[in-house]
Protein backbone atom coordinates (compact mmCIF):
# COMPACT_ATOMS: atom_id res chain seq x y z
CA MET A 1 -3.26 19.00 -123.95
CA ARG A 2 -5.63 17.97 -126.68
CA ILE A 3 -5.96 14.66 -124.83
CA PRO A 4 -9.55 13.70 -124.26
CA GLY A 5 -10.52 14.81 -120.75
CA ALA A 6 -7.42 16.74 -119.98
CA ILE A 7 -9.08 20.17 -119.82
CA GLU A 8 -12.00 18.75 -117.80
CA LYS A 9 -9.63 17.25 -115.12
CA HIS A 10 -7.75 20.69 -114.89
CA ARG A 11 -11.19 22.16 -114.42
CA GLU A 12 -12.24 19.61 -111.78
CA ALA A 13 -8.96 20.14 -109.81
CA SER A 14 -9.56 23.86 -110.01
CA VAL A 15 -12.96 23.55 -108.40
CA VAL A 16 -11.32 21.57 -105.51
CA VAL A 17 -8.63 24.34 -105.16
CA GLY A 18 -11.26 27.04 -105.26
CA LYS A 19 -13.04 25.34 -102.40
CA ALA A 20 -10.07 24.93 -100.37
CA VAL A 21 -8.79 28.55 -100.69
CA SER A 22 -12.26 29.92 -100.11
CA ALA A 23 -12.50 28.04 -96.82
CA ILE A 24 -9.06 29.21 -95.78
CA ILE A 25 -10.09 32.86 -96.63
CA LYS A 26 -13.04 32.60 -94.32
CA GLU A 27 -11.03 31.26 -91.47
CA THR A 28 -8.10 33.77 -91.75
CA VAL A 29 -8.79 35.84 -88.78
CA PRO A 30 -6.62 37.20 -86.03
CA GLY A 31 -5.87 34.56 -83.36
CA LYS A 32 -6.01 31.59 -85.83
CA LEU A 33 -3.24 29.15 -85.93
CA ILE A 34 -1.33 28.91 -89.17
CA LEU A 35 -1.05 25.10 -88.72
CA ASP A 36 -4.94 24.95 -88.39
CA LEU A 37 -5.14 26.85 -91.69
CA CYS A 38 -2.72 24.60 -93.50
CA ASN A 39 -4.38 21.44 -92.13
CA LEU A 40 -7.82 22.82 -93.28
CA GLY A 41 -6.56 23.33 -96.97
CA ASP A 42 -5.05 19.86 -97.16
CA ARG A 43 -8.13 18.19 -95.54
CA ILE A 44 -10.50 19.78 -98.00
CA ILE A 45 -8.49 18.80 -100.99
CA ASN A 46 -8.18 15.22 -99.88
CA GLU A 47 -11.94 15.08 -98.97
CA GLU A 48 -13.00 16.68 -102.52
CA VAL A 49 -10.71 14.67 -104.68
CA ALA A 50 -12.01 11.48 -103.08
CA LYS A 51 -15.60 12.44 -104.54
CA LYS A 52 -14.44 12.30 -108.19
CA TYR A 53 -13.15 9.82 -110.81
CA ASN A 54 -13.85 6.72 -108.72
CA LYS A 55 -14.87 4.40 -111.56
CA ALA A 56 -11.39 4.03 -112.79
CA LYS A 57 -8.25 3.84 -110.66
CA ILE A 58 -6.28 7.17 -111.18
CA GLU A 59 -3.86 9.17 -109.08
CA LYS A 60 -5.38 12.18 -107.62
CA GLY A 61 -4.67 14.33 -104.43
CA ILE A 62 -2.63 17.28 -103.22
CA ALA A 63 -0.48 18.88 -105.99
CA PHE A 64 1.03 21.47 -103.62
CA PRO A 65 0.47 21.33 -99.83
CA THR A 66 -1.17 24.31 -98.21
CA SER A 67 1.14 26.93 -97.18
CA ILE A 68 0.36 30.07 -95.31
CA SER A 69 2.99 32.82 -95.62
CA VAL A 70 2.62 36.14 -93.63
CA ASN A 71 3.89 39.70 -94.22
CA ASN A 72 7.59 39.46 -95.37
CA VAL A 73 7.52 35.80 -95.56
CA VAL A 74 7.63 35.12 -99.35
CA GLY A 75 6.36 31.63 -99.46
CA HIS A 76 6.50 27.78 -98.52
CA TYR A 77 5.62 28.25 -94.86
CA SER A 78 3.78 24.93 -94.06
CA PRO A 79 4.52 24.24 -90.49
CA LEU A 80 4.63 20.97 -88.59
CA SER A 81 2.22 19.89 -85.81
CA THR A 82 4.32 21.51 -83.10
CA ASP A 83 4.13 25.01 -84.52
CA LYS A 84 2.07 27.56 -82.60
CA THR A 85 2.46 30.68 -84.96
CA THR A 86 -0.88 32.68 -85.10
CA ILE A 87 -2.32 35.13 -87.47
CA LYS A 88 -2.36 38.68 -86.13
CA GLU A 89 -4.45 41.64 -86.83
CA GLY A 90 -3.55 43.37 -90.09
CA ASP A 91 -1.24 40.55 -91.36
CA VAL A 92 -0.79 40.18 -95.09
CA VAL A 93 -1.48 36.41 -95.58
CA LYS A 94 -0.79 34.52 -98.69
CA ILE A 95 -2.46 31.15 -99.22
CA ASP A 96 -0.89 28.85 -101.75
CA LEU A 97 -2.03 25.20 -102.65
CA GLY A 98 -2.84 22.89 -105.53
CA ALA A 99 -4.77 19.74 -106.46
CA HIS A 100 -4.65 17.27 -109.29
CA PHE A 101 -6.77 14.51 -111.03
CA ASP A 102 -4.67 12.00 -113.00
CA GLY A 103 -1.81 14.42 -113.02
CA TYR A 104 -3.80 17.35 -114.44
CA ILE A 105 -2.93 20.08 -111.98
CA ALA A 106 -4.51 23.20 -110.75
CA VAL A 107 -2.75 25.60 -108.36
CA ALA A 108 -3.92 28.78 -106.95
CA ALA A 109 -2.49 31.50 -104.42
CA HIS A 110 -4.33 34.44 -103.12
CA THR A 111 -3.54 37.34 -100.60
CA VAL A 112 -5.78 38.62 -97.94
CA ILE A 113 -5.46 40.89 -94.91
CA ALA A 114 -6.50 39.60 -91.54
CA ARG A 115 -9.05 42.01 -90.06
CA SER A 116 -11.67 42.41 -87.32
CA ASN A 117 -13.43 45.09 -89.08
CA HIS A 118 -13.81 45.19 -92.97
CA ASP A 119 -15.85 48.39 -93.09
CA GLU A 120 -12.87 50.73 -94.02
CA PRO A 121 -10.20 50.10 -96.64
CA VAL A 122 -6.61 49.16 -95.80
CA THR A 123 -4.28 51.96 -96.95
CA GLY A 124 -0.63 52.42 -97.06
CA ARG A 125 1.99 50.01 -98.25
CA LYS A 126 -0.31 47.07 -97.79
CA ALA A 127 -2.74 48.56 -100.17
CA ASP A 128 0.12 49.32 -102.79
CA VAL A 129 1.36 45.86 -102.88
CA ILE A 130 -2.18 44.27 -103.14
CA CYS A 131 -2.95 46.67 -106.04
CA ALA A 132 0.38 45.96 -107.74
CA ALA A 133 -0.13 42.13 -107.63
CA HIS A 134 -3.66 42.47 -108.70
CA PHE A 135 -2.80 44.45 -111.86
CA ALA A 136 0.14 42.42 -112.66
CA SER A 137 -1.90 39.28 -112.77
CA GLN A 138 -4.52 40.85 -114.88
CA VAL A 139 -1.90 41.88 -117.38
CA ALA A 140 -0.20 38.52 -117.36
CA LYS A 141 -3.46 36.82 -118.11
CA SER A 142 -4.34 39.31 -120.96
CA LEU A 143 -0.99 38.47 -122.68
CA LEU A 144 -1.20 34.80 -122.19
CA LYS A 145 -2.38 33.78 -125.85
CA PRO A 146 -0.94 32.04 -128.87
CA GLY A 147 1.96 34.04 -130.56
CA ASN A 148 2.84 36.09 -127.62
CA LYS A 149 6.21 35.57 -126.01
CA ASN A 150 7.02 34.94 -122.39
CA SER A 151 9.18 38.09 -122.42
CA ASP A 152 5.98 40.08 -123.19
CA ILE A 153 4.58 39.20 -119.71
CA THR A 154 7.86 39.86 -118.01
CA GLU A 155 8.17 43.16 -119.30
CA ALA A 156 4.33 44.10 -118.71
CA ILE A 157 4.20 42.94 -115.13
CA GLN A 158 7.27 44.85 -114.19
CA LEU A 159 5.70 48.08 -115.59
CA ALA A 160 2.51 47.27 -113.73
CA VAL A 161 4.06 46.96 -110.28
CA ALA A 162 6.26 50.02 -110.57
CA ASP A 163 3.32 52.30 -110.82
CA PHE A 164 2.76 51.17 -107.11
CA ASN A 165 6.39 51.71 -106.07
CA CYS A 166 6.73 47.89 -105.65
CA THR A 167 9.10 45.36 -107.17
CA LEU A 168 8.59 41.82 -108.32
CA VAL A 169 10.43 39.19 -106.17
CA GLU A 170 13.63 37.72 -107.62
CA GLY A 171 13.61 34.01 -108.44
CA VAL A 172 10.03 33.59 -109.20
CA LEU A 173 9.14 31.67 -112.14
CA SER A 174 5.71 30.74 -113.77
CA HIS A 175 6.03 27.15 -115.22
CA GLN A 176 4.10 25.37 -117.91
CA LEU A 177 2.02 22.58 -116.31
CA ARG A 178 2.31 19.11 -117.90
CA ARG A 179 0.75 15.90 -116.81
CA PHE A 180 2.33 15.03 -113.37
CA ILE A 181 4.82 17.83 -113.90
CA ILE A 182 4.25 21.13 -111.72
CA ASP A 183 7.41 22.66 -113.00
CA GLY A 184 7.61 22.34 -116.67
CA ASN A 185 10.66 23.64 -118.62
CA LYS A 186 8.89 26.50 -120.39
CA VAL A 187 8.82 29.36 -117.98
CA ILE A 188 8.03 32.95 -117.55
CA ILE A 189 10.44 34.84 -115.20
CA ASN A 190 9.01 37.66 -113.19
CA ARG A 191 12.31 39.51 -112.79
CA PRO A 192 15.31 38.75 -114.79
CA SER A 193 18.78 39.36 -113.64
CA ILE A 194 22.38 38.78 -114.65
CA ASP A 195 22.39 35.52 -112.67
CA GLN A 196 18.90 34.39 -113.77
CA LYS A 197 17.57 34.49 -117.27
CA VAL A 198 15.25 32.24 -119.06
CA GLU A 199 14.99 31.32 -122.79
CA GLU A 200 12.43 33.21 -124.92
CA PHE A 201 9.63 31.28 -126.50
CA SER A 202 6.10 31.82 -128.05
CA PHE A 203 3.02 30.50 -126.42
CA GLU A 204 1.04 27.78 -128.30
CA PRO A 205 -2.50 26.59 -128.05
CA TYR A 206 -3.46 24.02 -125.49
CA GLU A 207 -0.61 24.76 -123.16
CA ALA A 208 -1.35 25.06 -119.52
CA TYR A 209 0.47 27.47 -117.18
CA ALA A 210 0.64 28.29 -113.58
CA ILE A 211 0.97 31.92 -113.45
CA ASP A 212 2.68 33.10 -110.25
CA ILE A 213 3.00 36.78 -109.45
CA ILE A 214 4.65 37.70 -106.27
CA VAL A 215 5.33 41.39 -105.39
CA SER A 216 7.12 43.08 -102.63
CA THR A 217 7.13 46.64 -100.92
CA GLY A 218 10.92 46.24 -100.56
CA GLU A 219 13.71 45.26 -102.84
CA GLY A 220 12.31 41.97 -103.86
CA LYS A 221 15.29 40.05 -102.70
CA THR A 222 14.92 36.86 -100.70
CA LYS A 223 16.90 35.19 -97.99
CA GLN A 224 16.52 31.94 -95.91
CA THR A 225 16.49 32.14 -92.13
CA ASP A 226 16.53 29.32 -89.65
CA ALA A 227 13.00 28.47 -90.48
CA ARG A 228 12.38 24.82 -91.10
CA THR A 229 11.95 23.43 -94.60
CA THR A 230 8.91 21.16 -94.77
CA ILE A 231 7.89 20.96 -98.35
CA PHE A 232 9.93 18.61 -100.72
CA LYS A 233 9.42 17.06 -104.09
CA ARG A 234 10.91 13.82 -105.38
CA ALA A 235 13.82 14.06 -107.73
CA VAL A 236 12.74 11.30 -110.20
CA ASP A 237 15.91 11.37 -112.07
CA GLN A 238 18.11 10.60 -109.07
CA ASN A 239 18.51 7.25 -107.40
CA TYR A 240 20.75 6.06 -104.53
CA PHE A 241 20.82 2.94 -102.32
CA LEU A 242 19.96 4.42 -98.84
CA LYS A 243 21.71 3.17 -95.82
CA LEU A 244 19.17 4.01 -93.11
CA LYS A 245 15.92 2.00 -92.67
CA ALA A 246 14.14 5.20 -91.69
CA SER A 247 15.40 6.94 -95.01
CA ARG A 248 14.18 3.82 -97.16
CA ALA A 249 10.66 3.84 -95.35
CA VAL A 250 10.32 7.58 -96.14
CA LEU A 251 11.24 7.26 -99.71
CA ASN A 252 8.90 4.32 -100.19
CA ASP A 253 6.06 6.45 -98.78
CA ILE A 254 6.93 9.28 -100.91
CA ASN A 255 7.04 7.07 -104.14
CA GLN A 256 3.76 5.48 -103.08
CA LYS A 257 1.69 8.57 -102.00
CA PHE A 258 3.11 11.63 -103.73
CA THR A 259 5.09 10.35 -106.81
CA THR A 260 6.15 13.43 -108.61
CA MET A 261 4.08 16.06 -106.55
CA PRO A 262 5.42 18.29 -103.83
CA PHE A 263 4.56 17.23 -100.37
CA THR A 264 4.87 18.32 -96.69
CA LEU A 265 6.40 16.42 -93.82
CA ARG A 266 3.03 17.20 -92.03
CA ALA A 267 1.58 14.48 -94.26
CA PHE A 268 3.40 11.72 -92.52
CA PRO A 269 1.91 10.01 -89.49
CA ASP A 270 5.19 10.25 -87.64
CA GLN A 271 6.71 13.59 -88.49
CA ASN A 272 9.76 13.06 -86.33
CA LYS A 273 10.79 9.87 -88.11
CA ALA A 274 9.98 11.55 -91.55
CA ARG A 275 12.45 14.41 -90.56
CA LEU A 276 15.03 11.86 -89.53
CA GLY A 277 14.62 9.87 -92.88
CA MET A 278 14.61 12.95 -95.04
CA THR A 279 18.18 14.03 -93.92
CA GLU A 280 19.74 11.16 -96.14
CA LEU A 281 17.33 11.81 -99.00
CA ILE A 282 18.45 15.42 -98.88
CA ASN A 283 22.16 14.66 -98.64
CA HIS A 284 21.96 12.47 -101.77
CA ASN A 285 19.86 14.85 -103.83
CA LEU A 286 16.78 12.41 -103.87
CA VAL A 287 14.45 15.37 -103.38
CA HIS A 288 14.05 19.02 -104.21
CA SER A 289 13.46 21.46 -101.30
CA TYR A 290 11.13 24.32 -101.08
CA PRO A 291 12.83 26.46 -98.49
CA VAL A 292 10.98 29.15 -96.59
CA LEU A 293 11.94 32.52 -97.97
CA TYR A 294 11.85 36.05 -96.47
CA GLU A 295 11.99 39.47 -97.66
CA LYS A 296 13.48 42.15 -95.17
CA ASP A 297 11.67 42.66 -91.95
CA GLY A 298 9.05 45.42 -92.17
CA GLU A 299 8.34 44.77 -95.92
CA TYR A 300 5.07 43.29 -97.23
CA VAL A 301 4.74 40.53 -99.88
CA ALA A 302 1.48 39.86 -101.87
CA GLN A 303 0.97 36.84 -104.34
CA ILE A 304 -1.51 35.91 -106.85
CA LYS A 305 -1.40 32.66 -108.67
CA PHE A 306 -3.70 31.00 -111.15
CA THR A 307 -3.82 28.27 -113.54
CA ALA A 308 -4.61 29.05 -117.24
CA ILE A 309 -5.01 27.04 -120.40
CA ILE A 310 -4.39 28.72 -123.77
CA GLN A 311 -6.88 28.03 -126.46
CA PRO A 312 -6.69 28.91 -130.14
CA LYS A 313 -9.06 32.06 -129.76
CA SER A 314 -9.27 32.41 -125.86
CA THR A 315 -7.63 31.57 -122.46
CA LEU A 316 -9.25 29.71 -119.78
CA LYS A 317 -8.37 30.99 -116.40
CA PHE A 318 -9.13 29.03 -113.44
CA ASN A 319 -10.06 30.46 -109.82
CA ASP A 320 -10.69 34.09 -109.04
CA PHE A 321 -11.17 35.34 -105.44
CA ASP A 322 -12.30 38.33 -103.60
CA VAL A 323 -9.76 41.15 -103.78
CA PRO A 324 -9.10 42.71 -100.23
CA TYR A 325 -10.67 46.00 -99.58
CA VAL A 326 -7.84 48.51 -99.89
CA GLN A 327 -7.15 52.05 -101.09
CA SER A 328 -3.83 53.13 -102.36
CA GLU A 329 -2.75 56.59 -103.02
CA LEU A 330 -1.06 55.30 -106.24
CA SER A 331 -2.80 54.15 -109.37
CA LEU A 332 -1.85 52.37 -112.76
CA GLN A 333 -0.38 55.07 -115.02
CA ASN A 334 1.58 53.18 -117.56
CA THR A 335 -0.19 53.63 -120.96
CA LYS A 336 1.33 50.46 -122.39
CA VAL A 337 -0.17 48.33 -119.52
CA GLN A 338 -3.42 50.24 -119.93
CA ASP A 339 -3.54 49.56 -123.47
CA ILE A 340 -3.01 45.87 -123.04
CA LEU A 341 -5.70 45.62 -120.36
CA SER A 342 -8.23 47.70 -122.37
CA GLY A 343 -7.67 45.43 -125.44
CA LYS A 344 -6.18 48.25 -127.68
CA LYS A 345 -3.09 46.38 -128.13
CA GLU A 346 -3.19 43.37 -130.68
CA ALA A 347 -1.50 41.29 -127.96
CA ALA A 348 -4.26 41.66 -125.46
CA VAL A 349 -6.88 39.01 -124.86
CA ALA A 350 -10.43 40.65 -125.83
CA SER A 351 -12.28 40.70 -122.51
CA LYS A 352 -14.37 43.14 -120.52
CA ASP A 353 -13.92 43.01 -116.61
CA GLN A 354 -16.79 44.22 -114.47
CA THR A 355 -17.09 44.79 -110.84
CA SER A 356 -19.74 42.69 -109.14
CA GLU A 357 -22.86 44.58 -108.22
CA ALA A 358 -23.26 42.30 -105.30
CA ALA A 359 -19.65 42.95 -104.13
CA LYS A 360 -20.29 46.73 -104.24
CA LYS A 361 -23.30 46.36 -102.01
CA LYS A 362 -21.21 44.45 -99.36
CA LYS A 363 -18.94 47.51 -98.88
CA LYS A 364 -19.59 51.04 -97.58
CA LYS A 365 -19.36 53.45 -100.32
CA PRO A 366 -16.04 55.12 -99.89
CA LYS A 367 -15.63 58.85 -99.62
CA LYS A 368 -14.74 60.65 -102.76
CA LYS A 369 -11.02 60.39 -103.40
CA ALA A 370 -8.38 62.35 -105.22
CA ASP A 371 -7.83 61.28 -108.90
CA ASN A 372 -4.59 59.48 -108.06
CA THR A 373 -6.04 56.89 -105.73
CA THR A 374 -7.03 53.28 -106.40
CA THR A 375 -9.51 51.32 -104.41
CA THR A 376 -9.98 47.51 -104.94
CA THR A 377 -13.43 46.10 -104.25
CA THR A 378 -14.32 42.52 -104.32
CA SER A 379 -14.95 40.31 -107.30
CA THR A 380 -17.22 37.42 -107.94
CA SER A 381 -15.46 34.28 -106.67
CA THR A 382 -15.46 31.65 -109.24
CA ALA A 383 -14.14 28.17 -109.91
CA GLU A 384 -13.22 29.09 -113.44
CA THR A 385 -12.88 32.42 -115.23
CA SER A 386 -12.62 32.77 -119.03
CA GLU A 387 -12.72 35.80 -121.23
CA ASN A 388 -16.36 36.75 -120.84
CA GLN A 389 -16.66 36.24 -117.00
CA PRO A 390 -16.42 38.93 -114.39
CA GLN A 391 -13.12 39.67 -112.83
CA PRO A 392 -11.95 41.98 -110.08
CA GLU A 393 -11.03 45.45 -111.11
CA ALA A 394 -9.95 48.59 -109.51
CA ALA A 395 -12.54 51.26 -108.70
CA GLU A 396 -12.35 55.06 -108.94
CA ALA A 397 -8.77 55.17 -110.17
CA PRO A 398 -7.76 57.46 -113.01
CA LYS A 399 -9.03 55.20 -115.79
CA PRO A 400 -7.84 51.89 -114.30
CA GLU A 401 -11.43 50.71 -114.64
CA GLU A 402 -10.79 51.07 -118.32
CA ALA A 403 -7.40 49.75 -118.10
CA SER A 404 -8.68 46.50 -116.47
CA GLN A 405 -11.25 45.86 -119.18
């Protein structure tokens, strides 16, 4: 990571990501086509990367195609041009995308609630899962520093979401980001199990990570349905002489346009030919698939993903977005998590979060609540957040405003 210009390219990619996510958030309203939101995100990324680093020829573009996953859809919903699925009132909407310059990646995911009226907070299980993901992401960032272990984050985020009667979704990994590699070998597992465990390691300075927090109101177990997989990534260690002309044409396009980055079939001019050609690539393991995953019907899933770079004395966190206006009857009670967030623990990154005064003015002042409720307000939206910059926090919870400092 101590390559000249590496951090700057991560930062510039995060600026592009911030613009794309922010634009999608504004357009996430009842009645909007999910396809249109995905196209908007991809278009903004392509337009914005075209404005930078034009003096030298470098690879740049989409590092992860825009996916919009609603309610119990866990992730990777990136529909083709024939899809007519729309956003509905009250939908819990997850936005996930990424960009890169010269292989230096920034990714982000955020969860919003599609609403016509934002004057009153959303309550119930939607509020619980939003708060759980919010606090889990905060504690993960606090523990991301030299000398701490990946298992420290795994333990802490499980404690945080448990206070909101939620669970982390199985199979979710936060990967180290390396140049042109979105899924590095160093990983943080959200939810270890008998079938899935990861090797323990200590964080080191100048490592970059994509921290991915996905929380469910249900059991956190995923399944595939008949939803079409549209996101893939080239398996660069696999080769095979393809028989079909259509398959060879698709593989050539992948190698030319996407190299090692995930892509969507929507990016091909002729999506039908792309689907035809992909069949042989899939059968011979030339690509990795990102299937659309689901929780049980009736459950809600929230996601927060951010890019962070560990430095010797601080951690750079890229991209913060407004937290949905929700009010949970539950609150962060675990003292270990509170200590980490407040900086009392040696492992915590010393930081002080504040609620934006401007954000407070945007919302009506909520009625006085019982001590066991948590209300999130909006945070200052930034392209980069480091230790001393404002981040979202919970308001009027029993000491969570101290716990998120």
